[in-house]
Amino acid sequence: MNPKENGVGPVIRTDNGPQIVSHVFEEECGALQFIHERIPLKCPNKNAHIESYHSQLERDLLMKSEFASFEEAYDALDRYLEFYNNR
């Protein structure tokens, strides 16, 4: 199913973590007209690109840093994403 063909928003593929299977997340996906697609249980290879990204994020930023506040962590992540996506 191509979301653009039927007027529905983008597809978000996730694992089955507790934060992702919550009713709040599902309601927000619906409100934003996102299609939420879950990978099969115990099949991280179905989402290998994001698993690899999370590994790199953890190695490059999270294991090397300590944050005193949410704002500090948010700013560091924002800078990392800018670097990762644009440089």
Protein backbone atom coordinates (compact mmCIF):
# COMPACT_ATOMS: atom_id res chain seq x y z
CA MET A 1 0.00 0.00 0.00
CA ASN A 2 1.47 3.35 -1.04
CA PRO A 3 0.37 5.97 1.54
CA LYS A 4 0.45 8.78 -1.01
CA GLU A 5 -1.90 6.93 -3.35
CA ASN A 6 -4.70 6.71 -0.81
CA GLY A 7 -4.14 10.07 0.91
CA VAL A 8 -2.73 8.57 4.11
CA GLY A 9 0.41 9.88 5.77
CA PRO A 10 3.84 8.27 6.02
CA VAL A 11 4.61 4.81 7.36
CA ILE A 12 6.48 4.47 10.65
CA ARG A 13 8.08 1.05 11.19
CA THR A 14 8.94 0.22 14.79
CA ASP A 15 9.77 -2.66 17.05
CA ASN A 16 7.30 -3.75 19.72
CA GLY A 17 8.73 -1.92 22.73
CA PRO A 18 6.32 -0.85 25.48
CA GLN A 19 6.51 2.83 24.55
CA ILE A 20 5.58 1.97 20.95
CA VAL A 21 2.64 -0.33 21.65
CA SER A 22 1.00 2.15 24.03
CA HIS A 23 -2.46 3.50 23.30
CA VAL A 24 -1.12 7.06 23.43
CA PHE A 25 1.37 6.35 20.62
CA GLU A 26 -1.32 4.67 18.50
CA GLU A 27 -3.72 7.57 19.02
CA GLU A 28 -1.05 10.08 18.03
CA CYS A 29 -0.21 8.09 14.88
CA GLY A 30 -3.90 8.14 13.99
CA ALA A 31 -4.22 11.87 14.66
CA LEU A 32 -1.20 12.56 12.43
CA GLN A 33 -2.45 10.10 9.78
CA PHE A 34 0.66 7.93 10.07
CA ILE A 35 0.53 4.24 9.32
CA HIS A 36 2.17 2.35 12.19
CA GLU A 37 3.82 -0.84 11.00
CA ARG A 38 5.38 -3.15 13.58
CA ILE A 39 8.16 -5.57 12.79
CA PRO A 40 7.56 -9.20 13.82
CA LEU A 41 8.62 -10.14 17.34
CA LYS A 42 12.27 -11.15 17.71
CA CYS A 43 13.15 -10.02 14.16
CA PRO A 44 15.44 -6.98 14.56
CA ASN A 45 16.85 -7.65 11.09
CA LYS A 46 13.54 -6.34 9.69
CA ASN A 47 14.54 -2.95 11.10
CA ALA A 48 18.30 -3.30 10.67
CA HIS A 49 18.96 0.24 9.45
CA ILE A 50 17.46 1.83 12.57
CA GLU A 51 19.08 -0.75 14.86
CA SER A 52 22.43 0.17 13.29
CA TYR A 53 21.70 3.88 13.73
CA HIS A 54 20.79 3.41 17.40
CA SER A 55 24.02 1.49 17.94
CA GLN A 56 26.02 4.29 16.35
CA LEU A 57 24.16 6.96 18.34
CA GLU A 58 24.87 5.11 21.57
CA ARG A 59 28.56 4.59 20.70
CA ASP A 60 29.22 8.11 19.35
CA LEU A 61 27.24 10.21 21.81
CA LEU A 62 25.46 8.54 24.68
CA MET A 63 28.33 6.43 26.04
CA LYS A 64 30.72 9.38 25.87
CA SER A 65 28.50 11.95 27.59
CA GLU A 66 26.86 12.77 30.86
CA PHE A 67 23.97 15.20 30.87
CA ALA A 68 22.96 17.39 33.80
CA SER A 69 19.47 18.07 32.44
CA PHE A 70 16.98 17.08 29.81
CA GLU A 71 17.71 20.31 27.95
CA GLU A 72 21.43 19.53 27.83
CA ALA A 73 20.75 16.03 26.47
CA TYR A 74 18.25 17.41 23.95
CA ASP A 75 20.76 19.99 22.69
CA ALA A 76 23.51 17.36 22.37
CA LEU A 77 21.18 15.05 20.47
CA ASP A 78 20.04 17.89 18.23
CA ARG A 79 23.67 18.70 17.34
CA TYR A 80 24.41 15.02 16.73
CA LEU A 81 21.41 14.64 14.42
CA GLU A 82 22.41 17.76 12.48
CA PHE A 83 25.92 16.33 12.04
CA TYR A 84 24.72 12.80 11.23
CA ASN A 85 22.12 13.90 8.67
CA ASN A 86 23.91 16.78 6.99
CA ARG A 87 27.67 16.24 7.13
